[in-house]
Amino acid sequence: MSETVKAAVAALNNKLDGKGFAGIAKFVIEGKGSLIVDENGARVGDDEAEVTLTADTETFRAIIDGEKNPTTAFMTGKLKVDGDMGAAMRLASTLA
């Protein structure tokens, strides 16, 4: 587990503000590792998920910081989505 993933978990939990996500989503940070977001918040993990979102560190950080819209990142090829697109959209609205 990388420091990048640990920092991402902390940032996501801060952004979720004690709320979870109605589903199971996996973020894969290229070359760093993965994390899971579910009803309990964010944690380091590589579990099965409804949707997997893959991005580089810079794109992931920009999405979490609110500097990049997840939909824009997807449309420009910076964010890859595999699985349930509805879950991806719910997650995007949860993180907005």
Protein backbone atom coordinates (compact mmCIF):
# COMPACT_ATOMS: atom_id res chain seq x y z
CA MET A 1 0.00 0.00 0.00
CA SER A 2 1.41 3.34 -1.03
CA GLU A 3 1.34 6.66 0.77
CA THR A 4 -0.69 7.98 -2.18
CA VAL A 5 -3.46 5.45 -1.49
CA LYS A 6 -3.41 6.18 2.26
CA ALA A 7 -3.71 9.91 1.53
CA ALA A 8 -6.53 9.23 -0.95
CA VAL A 9 -8.48 7.24 1.66
CA ALA A 10 -8.13 10.10 4.16
CA ALA A 11 -9.17 12.69 1.56
CA LEU A 12 -12.19 10.66 0.48
CA ASN A 13 -13.34 10.06 4.05
CA ASN A 14 -12.99 13.77 4.72
CA LYS A 15 -15.01 14.58 1.61
CA LEU A 16 -17.68 12.00 2.51
CA ASP A 17 -17.92 13.63 5.97
CA GLY A 18 -18.97 10.46 7.79
CA LYS A 19 -21.38 9.35 5.10
CA GLY A 20 -20.93 6.28 3.00
CA PHE A 21 -21.79 5.44 -0.58
CA ALA A 22 -24.85 3.40 -1.52
CA GLY A 23 -22.91 0.77 -3.43
CA ILE A 24 -19.38 -0.51 -3.80
CA ALA A 25 -16.88 1.36 -5.94
CA LYS A 26 -13.19 0.77 -6.43
CA PHE A 27 -10.70 3.49 -7.31
CA VAL A 28 -7.49 2.29 -8.92
CA ILE A 29 -4.70 4.85 -8.81
CA GLU A 30 -2.35 3.77 -11.57
CA GLY A 31 0.92 2.42 -10.22
CA LYS A 32 -0.05 3.12 -6.60
CA GLY A 33 -2.84 0.75 -5.57
CA SER A 34 -6.58 0.73 -5.01
CA LEU A 35 -9.22 1.69 -2.51
CA ILE A 36 -12.85 0.85 -1.92
CA VAL A 37 -15.73 3.23 -1.21
CA ASP A 38 -18.88 1.69 0.27
CA GLU A 39 -21.54 2.34 2.90
CA ASN A 40 -18.81 2.59 5.55
CA GLY A 41 -16.72 5.19 3.71
CA ALA A 42 -13.33 4.74 2.05
CA ARG A 43 -10.69 2.14 2.90
CA VAL A 44 -7.66 0.55 1.31
CA GLY A 45 -8.74 -2.54 -0.60
CA ASP A 46 -8.98 -4.44 -3.84
CA ASP A 47 -12.39 -6.07 -3.37
CA GLU A 48 -14.93 -6.83 -6.08
CA ALA A 49 -16.99 -3.73 -6.85
CA GLU A 50 -19.99 -2.64 -8.90
CA VAL A 51 -17.80 -0.11 -10.68
CA THR A 52 -14.06 0.40 -11.00
CA LEU A 53 -12.66 3.84 -11.74
CA THR A 54 -9.06 4.10 -12.88
CA ALA A 55 -6.98 7.27 -13.11
CA ASP A 56 -3.47 8.54 -12.58
CA THR A 57 -2.56 10.23 -9.31
CA GLU A 58 -2.91 13.76 -10.66
CA THR A 59 -6.40 13.17 -12.08
CA PHE A 60 -7.59 11.38 -8.95
CA ARG A 61 -6.32 14.20 -6.72
CA ALA A 62 -7.98 16.83 -8.93
CA ILE A 63 -11.33 15.00 -8.74
CA ILE A 64 -11.17 14.68 -4.94
CA ASP A 65 -10.09 18.31 -4.54
CA GLY A 66 -13.00 19.45 -6.72
CA GLU A 67 -10.68 20.87 -9.37
CA LYS A 68 -11.80 18.39 -12.04
CA ASN A 69 -15.30 17.20 -12.76
CA PRO A 70 -15.41 13.37 -12.88
CA THR A 71 -17.63 13.43 -15.97
CA THR A 72 -15.18 15.71 -17.77
CA ALA A 73 -12.30 13.47 -16.73
CA PHE A 74 -14.16 10.48 -18.18
CA MET A 75 -15.09 12.26 -21.42
CA THR A 76 -11.48 13.35 -21.98
CA GLY A 77 -10.09 9.87 -21.31
CA LYS A 78 -8.41 10.78 -18.00
CA LEU A 79 -10.76 8.55 -15.99
CA LYS A 80 -11.64 5.02 -17.08
CA VAL A 81 -14.86 3.43 -15.86
CA ASP A 82 -15.50 -0.30 -15.89
CA GLY A 83 -18.78 -1.72 -14.67
CA ASP A 84 -22.05 -0.11 -13.61
CA MET A 85 -22.19 3.39 -15.09
CA GLY A 86 -25.17 4.20 -12.84
CA ALA A 87 -23.03 3.50 -9.77
CA ALA A 88 -20.31 5.73 -11.23
CA MET A 89 -22.80 8.57 -11.64
CA ARG A 90 -24.10 8.11 -8.07
CA LEU A 91 -20.54 8.22 -6.79
CA ALA A 92 -19.80 11.37 -8.79
CA SER A 93 -22.82 13.11 -7.26
CA THR A 94 -21.81 11.89 -3.78
CA LEU A 95 -18.35 13.42 -4.20
CA ALA A 96 -19.61 16.71 -5.70
